[in-house]
Amino acid sequence: MAVKTMIAAVDLGEYDSEESLKELQALCRAADMEVVFSISQKRTAPDSKYYLGEGKLEEAKQIAQANEVELCVFDCELTGSQIRSISDYLEMEVIDRTMLILEIFSKRATTAEGKLQTELTLLKYRLPRLTGLGASMSRQGGGGGGGGGARRGGGETKLEYDRRYISSRIDFIKSKLADVEKRRDLMYAQRKKNDVPIVALTGYTNVGKSSLLNALTGSDILEKDMLFATLDPTARRLTLPSGQNVILVDTVGFVSRLPHNLVEAFKSTLEQAKYADIILNVCDISSPDRDTQLKVTQNTLRQIGCQMENVITVYNMCDKGAIEPVPKNAVVTSAKTGRGLPQLLEKIDRLLAARMARLDLLLPYDKAGLINTIRENGRVEKEDYTPQGIAVKGSIDRKFLYIFTSYQQDKS
């Protein structure tokens, strides 16, 4: 059963508070919470104790009690003392935006690394807030909201024990992740050796990246109208119109004001973009926030060190309504209807074409095995068996061109 929830924000004029609250509501839905009402207050600065002004907080308390609300989610990052003060005042559990996202990550991560990264981020976030969090972080196990009494008592001894335990657990997880990262580096090295191009799908959460991957590769990755439906990286092989094989990778979606520690938490999936040959920056063309979504993604990609030269902007979900003008070099698509997908594949092909070299070969029959090398790393367009040998026309990744130099018929 969904937890009855209220959401709260202080509008400091730093960003669009109304849109941010809409996003927070969608995040709550993704965490199986039922948002009963939202409350917002314009201020020049947040209240140091309650974040909201005390009068506004009293108003929220009255509405919450009348609607049997169990949980309050603030659209910001709260300190431990603020969480304790607000929770005591409202007499209910209080979490902030980052804690909510961590809860979603905790429930959705499926790989060993994803689970470890989530726990590490959770513990790092919890450590400086221990005096205020109490049982708030127990929601990570999937539990519902609770009363304020669960956070009281325990004393300093319990607090120090928790600190020692969390610190030791952080050290343990870091060592485990170091081993995982070594294995991942070996995987990247192997891909580099095989020189299979990587194309990464990036973008704001819930813009149809998984749907695009399914439409392009014929896969059946989970598609859901929900924020953070995909957390762990998913890779599928894709054959381009030229015959070139690439690895298409789906990555975790971004949200506005994604905290730096959450970027670090899912470094494993974001690095799929960092090491990609081509990045598809996907947005929802029907969203009024599409330009903001694109900027959020671009800024995050730069933050993790991505090369921005080979980024293709993809305006997805054009089946939802009228198509507004988009930049000339962008591609408009619909994973649902298939519109624009051929153009997207051709654009990827063109960007990768610089890697490819033309082949016009006459292979001796005892070198017939080299045709498989061409197929694996390029494309065979024509293959004729003649008395002199096998005449092959096609293209190959330039990395392998040296193998065929002596068999080229046109050496000019």
Protein backbone atom coordinates (compact mmCIF):
# COMPACT_ATOMS: atom_id res chain seq x y z
CA MET A 1 0.00 0.00 0.00
CA ALA A 2 1.33 3.42 -0.96
CA VAL A 3 2.51 5.64 1.86
CA LYS A 4 0.48 8.85 2.22
CA THR A 5 2.98 11.62 1.63
CA MET A 6 3.19 15.39 1.53
CA ILE A 7 5.94 17.28 -0.27
CA ALA A 8 7.38 20.62 0.81
CA ALA A 9 9.64 23.25 -0.69
CA VAL A 10 11.07 26.68 -0.07
CA ASP A 11 11.23 28.84 -3.20
CA LEU A 12 14.47 30.83 -2.97
CA GLY A 13 14.32 31.94 -6.59
CA GLU A 14 17.33 29.80 -7.56
CA TYR A 15 15.36 27.53 -9.94
CA ASP A 16 11.78 26.86 -11.04
CA SER A 17 10.31 25.63 -7.76
CA GLU A 18 7.00 24.61 -9.31
CA GLU A 19 8.66 22.37 -11.90
CA SER A 20 10.97 20.94 -9.26
CA LEU A 21 7.97 20.00 -7.11
CA LYS A 22 6.40 18.24 -10.11
CA GLU A 23 9.59 16.25 -10.50
CA LEU A 24 9.62 15.47 -6.78
CA GLN A 25 6.06 14.18 -7.06
CA ALA A 26 7.14 11.88 -9.90
CA LEU A 27 10.03 10.65 -7.77
CA CYS A 28 7.59 9.89 -4.97
CA ARG A 29 5.43 7.86 -7.35
CA ALA A 30 8.54 5.93 -8.38
CA ALA A 31 9.05 5.10 -4.68
CA ASP A 32 5.43 3.89 -4.26
CA MET A 33 4.35 6.97 -2.34
CA GLU A 34 0.97 8.65 -2.71
CA VAL A 35 1.39 12.43 -2.68
CA VAL A 36 -1.67 13.84 -0.92
CA PHE A 37 -0.69 17.51 -1.12
CA SER A 38 2.26 19.84 -1.58
CA ILE A 39 3.21 22.99 0.27
CA SER A 40 5.61 25.74 -0.80
CA GLN A 41 6.79 29.02 0.65
CA LYS A 42 8.72 31.89 -0.91
CA ARG A 43 11.59 33.09 1.26
CA THR A 44 14.86 34.91 0.80
CA ALA A 45 16.56 32.26 2.96
CA PRO A 46 15.41 29.00 4.56
CA ASP A 47 14.65 28.89 8.27
CA SER A 48 17.74 27.51 10.02
CA LYS A 49 15.71 25.16 12.23
CA TYR A 50 12.62 24.16 10.25
CA TYR A 51 13.61 25.19 6.68
CA LEU A 52 9.99 26.35 6.24
CA GLY A 53 8.80 29.19 8.38
CA GLU A 54 7.14 28.01 11.61
CA GLY A 55 3.75 29.39 10.56
CA LYS A 56 3.88 27.51 7.26
CA LEU A 57 5.03 24.39 9.05
CA GLU A 58 2.05 24.61 11.42
CA GLU A 59 -0.25 24.89 8.40
CA ALA A 60 1.37 21.80 6.92
CA LYS A 61 0.92 19.93 10.19
CA GLN A 62 -2.80 20.67 10.35
CA ILE A 63 -3.37 19.55 6.75
CA ALA A 64 -1.23 16.45 7.28
CA GLN A 65 -3.16 15.38 10.37
CA ALA A 66 -6.49 15.91 8.62
CA ASN A 67 -5.34 13.69 5.73
CA GLU A 68 -3.54 11.05 7.84
CA VAL A 69 -0.21 11.78 6.14
CA GLU A 70 2.65 9.52 7.28
CA LEU A 71 5.66 11.04 5.55
CA CYS A 72 6.99 14.45 4.51
CA VAL A 73 9.53 14.82 1.70
CA PHE A 74 11.43 18.11 1.36
CA ASP A 75 12.62 19.24 -2.08
CA CYS A 76 16.14 20.04 -0.88
CA GLU A 77 18.96 18.62 1.23
CA LEU A 78 18.33 18.91 4.97
CA THR A 79 20.83 18.74 7.81
CA GLY A 80 20.48 16.13 10.54
CA SER A 81 19.27 18.69 13.07
CA GLN A 82 16.68 20.07 10.62
CA ILE A 83 15.35 16.58 9.98
CA ARG A 84 15.01 16.00 13.72
CA SER A 85 13.38 19.38 14.38
CA ILE A 86 10.89 19.13 11.51
CA SER A 87 10.09 15.50 12.33
CA ASP A 88 9.43 16.32 15.98
CA TYR A 89 7.23 19.26 15.01
CA LEU A 90 5.20 17.37 12.41
CA GLU A 91 5.20 14.14 14.43
CA MET A 92 6.01 12.07 11.37
CA GLU A 93 8.94 10.78 9.38
CA VAL A 94 10.82 13.38 7.33
CA ILE A 95 13.25 12.76 4.47
CA ASP A 96 14.80 15.01 1.86
CA ARG A 97 15.14 14.84 -1.92
CA THR A 98 18.49 13.05 -1.87
CA MET A 99 17.27 10.44 0.61
CA LEU A 100 14.26 9.79 -1.63
CA ILE A 101 16.45 9.25 -4.69
CA LEU A 102 18.70 6.97 -2.65
CA GLU A 103 15.67 4.93 -1.65
CA ILE A 104 14.69 4.47 -5.30
CA PHE A 105 18.27 3.53 -6.20
CA SER A 106 18.38 1.05 -3.32
CA LYS A 107 15.26 -0.71 -4.53
CA ARG A 108 16.14 -0.74 -8.24
CA ALA A 109 19.87 -1.54 -8.38
CA THR A 110 20.34 -5.14 -9.49
CA THR A 111 24.06 -5.60 -10.17
CA ALA A 112 26.55 -6.21 -7.37
CA GLU A 113 28.33 -2.94 -8.14
CA GLY A 114 25.07 -0.99 -8.29
CA LYS A 115 24.07 -2.29 -4.86
CA LEU A 116 27.48 -1.54 -3.36
CA GLN A 117 27.57 1.97 -4.84
CA THR A 118 24.08 2.68 -3.52
CA GLU A 119 24.94 1.48 -0.02
CA LEU A 120 28.17 3.48 0.00
CA THR A 121 26.40 6.69 -0.98
CA LEU A 122 23.66 6.03 1.56
CA LEU A 123 26.18 5.51 4.37
CA LYS A 124 28.21 8.61 3.40
CA TYR A 125 25.02 10.66 3.39
CA ARG A 126 23.85 9.19 6.67
CA LEU A 127 27.07 9.57 8.67
CA PRO A 128 27.04 13.37 9.25
CA ARG A 129 23.27 13.28 9.83
CA LEU A 130 23.12 10.49 12.42
CA THR A 131 21.89 12.73 15.22
CA GLY A 132 18.87 13.73 13.16
CA LEU A 133 18.10 10.78 10.92
CA GLY A 134 17.38 8.07 13.43
CA ALA A 135 15.00 5.65 11.76
CA SER A 136 14.45 7.79 8.68
CA MET A 137 16.96 5.83 6.66
CA SER A 138 15.28 2.54 7.61
CA ARG A 139 13.03 3.22 4.62
CA GLN A 140 15.88 1.90 2.50
CA GLY A 141 14.67 -1.58 3.28
CA GLY A 142 11.32 -0.72 1.71
CA GLY A 143 9.39 -0.03 4.92
CA GLY A 144 6.63 2.52 5.23
CA GLY A 145 6.45 5.73 7.16
CA GLY A 146 6.55 5.68 10.92
CA GLY A 147 5.79 7.84 13.90
CA GLY A 148 8.22 10.25 15.47
CA GLY A 149 8.75 8.09 18.54
CA ALA A 150 10.93 5.65 16.63
CA ARG A 151 13.67 8.27 16.44
CA ARG A 152 13.98 9.01 20.14
CA GLY A 153 16.28 7.53 22.76
CA GLY A 154 19.42 5.47 22.27
CA GLY A 155 21.84 7.89 23.83
CA GLU A 156 25.40 8.80 22.94
CA THR A 157 26.71 5.25 23.22
CA LYS A 158 24.39 4.03 20.49
CA LEU A 159 25.32 7.07 18.38
CA GLU A 160 29.04 6.36 18.66
CA TYR A 161 28.48 2.69 17.90
CA ASP A 162 26.55 3.63 14.74
CA ARG A 163 29.34 5.97 13.68
CA ARG A 164 32.00 3.30 14.13
CA TYR A 165 29.92 0.70 12.31
CA ILE A 166 29.14 3.00 9.39
CA SER A 167 32.78 4.11 9.08
CA SER A 168 34.02 0.52 9.00
CA ARG A 169 31.32 -0.48 6.53
CA ILE A 170 32.31 2.43 4.25
CA ASP A 171 35.94 1.24 4.27
CA PHE A 172 34.85 -2.33 3.47
CA ILE A 173 32.63 -1.28 0.56
CA LYS A 174 35.37 0.95 -0.86
CA SER A 175 37.76 -2.01 -0.96
CA LYS A 176 35.13 -4.19 -2.64
CA LEU A 177 34.41 -1.49 -5.21
CA ALA A 178 38.12 -1.12 -5.95
CA ASP A 179 38.14 -4.79 -6.99
CA VAL A 180 34.99 -4.30 -9.09
CA GLU A 181 36.52 -1.26 -10.82
CA LYS A 182 39.64 -3.26 -11.71
CA ARG A 183 37.45 -5.88 -13.39
CA ARG A 184 35.54 -3.14 -15.20
CA ASP A 185 38.78 -1.60 -16.44
CA LEU A 186 39.77 -5.00 -17.84
CA MET A 187 36.41 -5.19 -19.61
CA TYR A 188 36.94 -1.74 -21.14
CA ALA A 189 40.46 -2.77 -22.18
CA GLN A 190 39.07 -5.87 -23.89
CA ARG A 191 36.45 -3.81 -25.73
CA LYS A 192 39.18 -1.40 -26.79
CA LYS A 193 41.28 -4.30 -28.02
CA ASN A 194 38.38 -5.67 -30.04
CA ASP A 195 37.62 -2.09 -31.02
CA VAL A 196 33.87 -2.56 -30.96
CA PRO A 197 32.39 0.98 -31.05
CA ILE A 198 30.21 1.91 -28.08
CA VAL A 199 27.11 4.09 -28.47
CA ALA A 200 25.67 5.32 -25.16
CA LEU A 201 22.07 6.42 -24.61
CA THR A 202 22.01 9.26 -22.11
CA GLY A 203 19.43 11.79 -21.06
CA TYR A 204 16.94 12.88 -18.50
CA THR A 205 15.14 10.06 -16.73
CA ASN A 206 11.91 8.83 -18.35
CA VAL A 207 12.51 10.18 -21.87
CA GLY A 208 12.34 6.79 -23.58
CA LYS A 209 15.99 5.65 -23.67
CA SER A 210 15.09 2.03 -22.91
CA SER A 211 12.32 2.18 -25.51
CA LEU A 212 14.82 3.41 -28.09
CA LEU A 213 17.24 0.61 -27.22
CA ASN A 214 14.44 -1.94 -27.63
CA ALA A 215 13.25 -0.43 -30.91
CA LEU A 216 16.76 -0.33 -32.38
CA THR A 217 17.94 -3.76 -31.22
CA GLY A 218 14.74 -5.79 -30.88
CA SER A 219 15.38 -6.30 -27.16
CA ASP A 220 12.85 -6.38 -24.34
CA ILE A 221 14.47 -4.18 -21.69
CA LEU A 222 12.03 -2.93 -19.03
CA GLU A 223 10.08 0.09 -20.25
CA LYS A 224 8.10 1.95 -17.62
CA ASP A 225 6.62 5.43 -17.33
CA MET A 226 8.54 6.03 -14.13
CA LEU A 227 11.65 7.92 -13.06
CA PHE A 228 14.76 5.75 -12.73
CA ALA A 229 13.21 2.65 -14.33
CA THR A 230 16.76 1.87 -15.51
CA LEU A 231 19.65 2.07 -13.05
CA ASP A 232 22.18 -0.56 -14.03
CA PRO A 233 23.87 -0.32 -17.44
CA THR A 234 22.30 -2.49 -20.13
CA ALA A 235 24.22 -3.31 -23.32
CA ARG A 236 22.98 -4.83 -26.58
CA ARG A 237 24.61 -5.43 -29.96
CA LEU A 238 23.35 -3.28 -32.83
CA THR A 239 24.13 -3.66 -36.55
CA LEU A 240 24.16 -0.38 -38.46
CA PRO A 241 22.98 0.01 -42.09
CA SER A 242 26.63 -0.18 -43.23
CA GLY A 243 27.00 -3.56 -41.55
CA GLN A 244 29.14 -2.13 -38.75
CA ASN A 245 28.46 -3.73 -35.36
CA VAL A 246 28.30 -1.49 -32.28
CA ILE A 247 27.42 -1.92 -28.61
CA LEU A 248 24.38 0.17 -27.64
CA VAL A 249 24.31 0.96 -23.92
CA ASP A 250 21.40 2.31 -21.87
CA THR A 251 22.38 4.40 -18.83
CA VAL A 252 20.77 5.79 -15.71
CA GLY A 253 18.67 8.90 -16.34
CA PHE A 254 19.48 12.30 -14.91
CA VAL A 255 17.31 14.61 -12.85
CA SER A 256 17.72 18.30 -12.21
CA ARG A 257 20.01 19.19 -9.31
CA LEU A 258 21.38 15.64 -9.19
CA PRO A 259 23.70 15.78 -6.16
CA HIS A 260 27.37 15.15 -6.85
CA ASN A 261 27.46 12.15 -4.51
CA LEU A 262 24.72 10.51 -6.57
CA VAL A 263 26.72 11.08 -9.74
CA GLU A 264 29.59 9.30 -8.00
CA ALA A 265 27.28 6.51 -6.83
CA PHE A 266 26.44 5.52 -10.37
CA LYS A 267 29.81 6.14 -11.88
CA SER A 268 29.72 2.62 -13.33
CA THR A 269 26.72 3.32 -15.55
CA LEU A 270 27.69 6.91 -16.33
CA GLU A 271 31.16 5.83 -17.40
CA GLN A 272 29.52 3.91 -20.21
CA ALA A 273 28.97 7.38 -21.66
CA LYS A 274 32.47 8.54 -20.78
CA TYR A 275 34.07 5.73 -22.77
CA ALA A 276 31.55 5.77 -25.62
CA ASP A 277 32.52 6.56 -29.19
CA ILE A 278 29.15 8.25 -29.73
CA ILE A 279 26.69 9.65 -27.17
CA LEU A 280 22.98 9.94 -27.91
CA ASN A 281 21.59 12.75 -25.75
CA VAL A 282 17.89 11.91 -25.63
CA CYS A 283 15.08 14.26 -24.58
CA ASP A 284 11.29 14.19 -24.67
CA ILE A 285 10.30 16.47 -27.55
CA SER A 286 6.81 16.90 -26.06
CA SER A 287 8.10 18.14 -22.71
CA PRO A 288 8.07 21.88 -22.05
CA ASP A 289 11.30 21.30 -20.12
CA ARG A 290 13.17 19.62 -22.95
CA ASP A 291 15.81 22.36 -23.27
CA THR A 292 16.44 22.18 -19.53
CA GLN A 293 16.65 18.40 -19.75
CA LEU A 294 19.28 18.61 -22.48
CA LYS A 295 21.33 21.12 -20.48
CA VAL A 296 21.16 18.97 -17.33
CA THR A 297 22.45 16.00 -19.29
CA GLN A 298 25.18 17.98 -21.06
CA ASN A 299 26.41 19.47 -17.79
CA THR A 300 26.51 16.06 -16.11
CA LEU A 301 28.35 14.52 -19.06
CA ARG A 302 30.96 17.28 -18.88
CA GLN A 303 31.19 16.71 -15.12
CA ILE A 304 32.24 13.08 -15.62
CA GLY A 305 34.71 13.99 -18.36
CA CYS A 306 32.86 13.00 -21.54
CA GLN A 307 34.07 14.20 -24.93
CA MET A 308 31.24 16.28 -26.38
CA GLU A 309 32.32 16.27 -30.05
CA ASN A 310 30.41 13.10 -30.98
CA VAL A 311 27.11 13.85 -29.25
CA ILE A 312 23.92 13.38 -31.28
CA THR A 313 20.87 15.17 -29.88
CA VAL A 314 17.78 12.97 -30.16
CA TYR A 315 14.32 14.48 -29.77
CA ASN A 316 12.32 11.37 -28.89
CA MET A 317 8.57 10.74 -28.41
CA CYS A 318 7.50 12.73 -31.48
CA ASP A 319 4.38 10.53 -31.57
CA LYS A 320 2.99 12.49 -28.60
CA GLY A 321 2.05 15.59 -30.56
CA ALA A 322 3.09 18.42 -32.86
CA ILE A 323 6.81 18.68 -33.60
CA GLU A 324 8.33 22.05 -32.89
CA PRO A 325 11.44 23.23 -34.77
CA VAL A 326 14.61 21.52 -33.57
CA PRO A 327 18.29 22.22 -34.34
CA LYS A 328 19.33 21.23 -37.84
CA ASN A 329 21.84 18.59 -36.75
CA ALA A 330 19.42 16.88 -34.32
CA VAL A 331 17.31 13.79 -35.04
CA VAL A 332 13.57 13.52 -34.30
CA THR A 333 12.45 10.00 -33.37
CA SER A 334 9.66 7.90 -31.99
CA ALA A 335 10.55 4.55 -30.44
CA LYS A 336 6.84 3.75 -30.51
CA THR A 337 6.19 4.30 -34.25
CA GLY A 338 9.74 3.90 -35.58
CA ARG A 339 9.81 7.38 -37.05
CA GLY A 340 13.32 8.78 -37.46
CA LEU A 341 15.10 5.57 -36.43
CA PRO A 342 16.61 4.95 -39.91
CA GLN A 343 17.89 8.55 -39.95
CA LEU A 344 19.40 8.07 -36.47
CA LEU A 345 21.19 4.89 -37.54
CA GLU A 346 22.51 6.62 -40.67
CA LYS A 347 23.81 9.53 -38.59
CA ILE A 348 25.63 7.13 -36.26
CA ASP A 349 27.05 5.39 -39.33
CA ARG A 350 28.35 8.68 -40.74
CA LEU A 351 30.06 9.61 -37.49
CA LEU A 352 31.75 6.23 -37.34
CA ALA A 353 32.63 6.31 -41.05
CA ALA A 354 35.86 8.20 -40.36
CA ARG A 355 37.08 5.04 -38.64
CA MET A 356 36.49 2.93 -41.75
CA ALA A 357 38.63 2.31 -44.82
CA ARG A 358 37.54 0.93 -48.20
CA LEU A 359 38.69 -2.54 -49.26
CA ASP A 360 39.10 -3.90 -52.79
CA LEU A 361 40.94 -7.16 -52.22
CA LEU A 362 42.13 -10.24 -54.01
CA LEU A 363 42.68 -12.81 -51.26
CA PRO A 364 44.52 -16.10 -51.88
CA TYR A 365 42.31 -19.08 -51.08
CA ASP A 366 44.52 -20.01 -48.11
CA LYS A 367 43.67 -16.57 -46.62
CA ALA A 368 39.88 -17.05 -46.83
CA GLY A 369 39.67 -16.82 -43.05
CA LEU A 370 40.41 -13.10 -43.28
CA ILE A 371 36.88 -12.58 -44.64
CA ASN A 372 35.57 -13.29 -41.13
CA THR A 373 37.90 -10.57 -39.81
CA ILE A 374 36.26 -8.15 -42.24
CA ARG A 375 32.76 -9.23 -41.23
CA GLU A 376 33.55 -8.85 -37.52
CA ASN A 377 35.17 -5.43 -37.88
CA GLY A 378 33.51 -3.96 -40.94
CA ARG A 379 31.36 -5.02 -43.85
CA VAL A 380 31.65 -7.39 -46.82
CA GLU A 381 29.74 -5.87 -49.76
CA LYS A 382 30.77 -8.28 -52.51
CA GLU A 383 32.53 -11.64 -52.57
CA ASP A 384 33.49 -13.36 -55.86
CA TYR A 385 35.47 -16.59 -56.29
CA THR A 386 37.84 -16.35 -59.27
CA PRO A 387 40.70 -18.53 -60.55
CA GLN A 388 43.17 -16.00 -59.12
CA GLY A 389 41.58 -15.87 -55.64
CA ILE A 390 38.65 -14.37 -53.72
CA ALA A 391 37.72 -10.85 -54.86
CA VAL A 392 36.31 -8.98 -51.87
CA LYS A 393 34.89 -5.46 -51.72
CA GLY A 394 33.83 -3.82 -48.49
CA SER A 395 35.15 -1.76 -45.60
CA ILE A 396 37.17 -2.37 -42.45
CA ASP A 397 38.04 -0.45 -39.30
CA ARG A 398 41.29 1.38 -40.03
CA LYS A 399 42.86 -0.35 -37.05
CA PHE A 400 42.89 -3.59 -39.06
CA LEU A 401 43.79 -2.09 -42.43
CA TYR A 402 47.46 -3.12 -42.15
CA ILE A 403 46.39 -6.80 -42.36
CA PHE A 404 45.03 -6.29 -45.89
CA THR A 405 47.52 -3.83 -47.39
CA SER A 406 49.30 -6.45 -49.51
CA TYR A 407 45.99 -7.78 -50.89
CA GLN A 408 44.56 -4.44 -52.03
CA GLN A 409 43.93 -4.40 -55.80
CA ASP A 410 43.83 -0.60 -55.96
CA LYS A 411 46.90 0.67 -54.11
CA SER A 412 46.74 4.21 -55.47
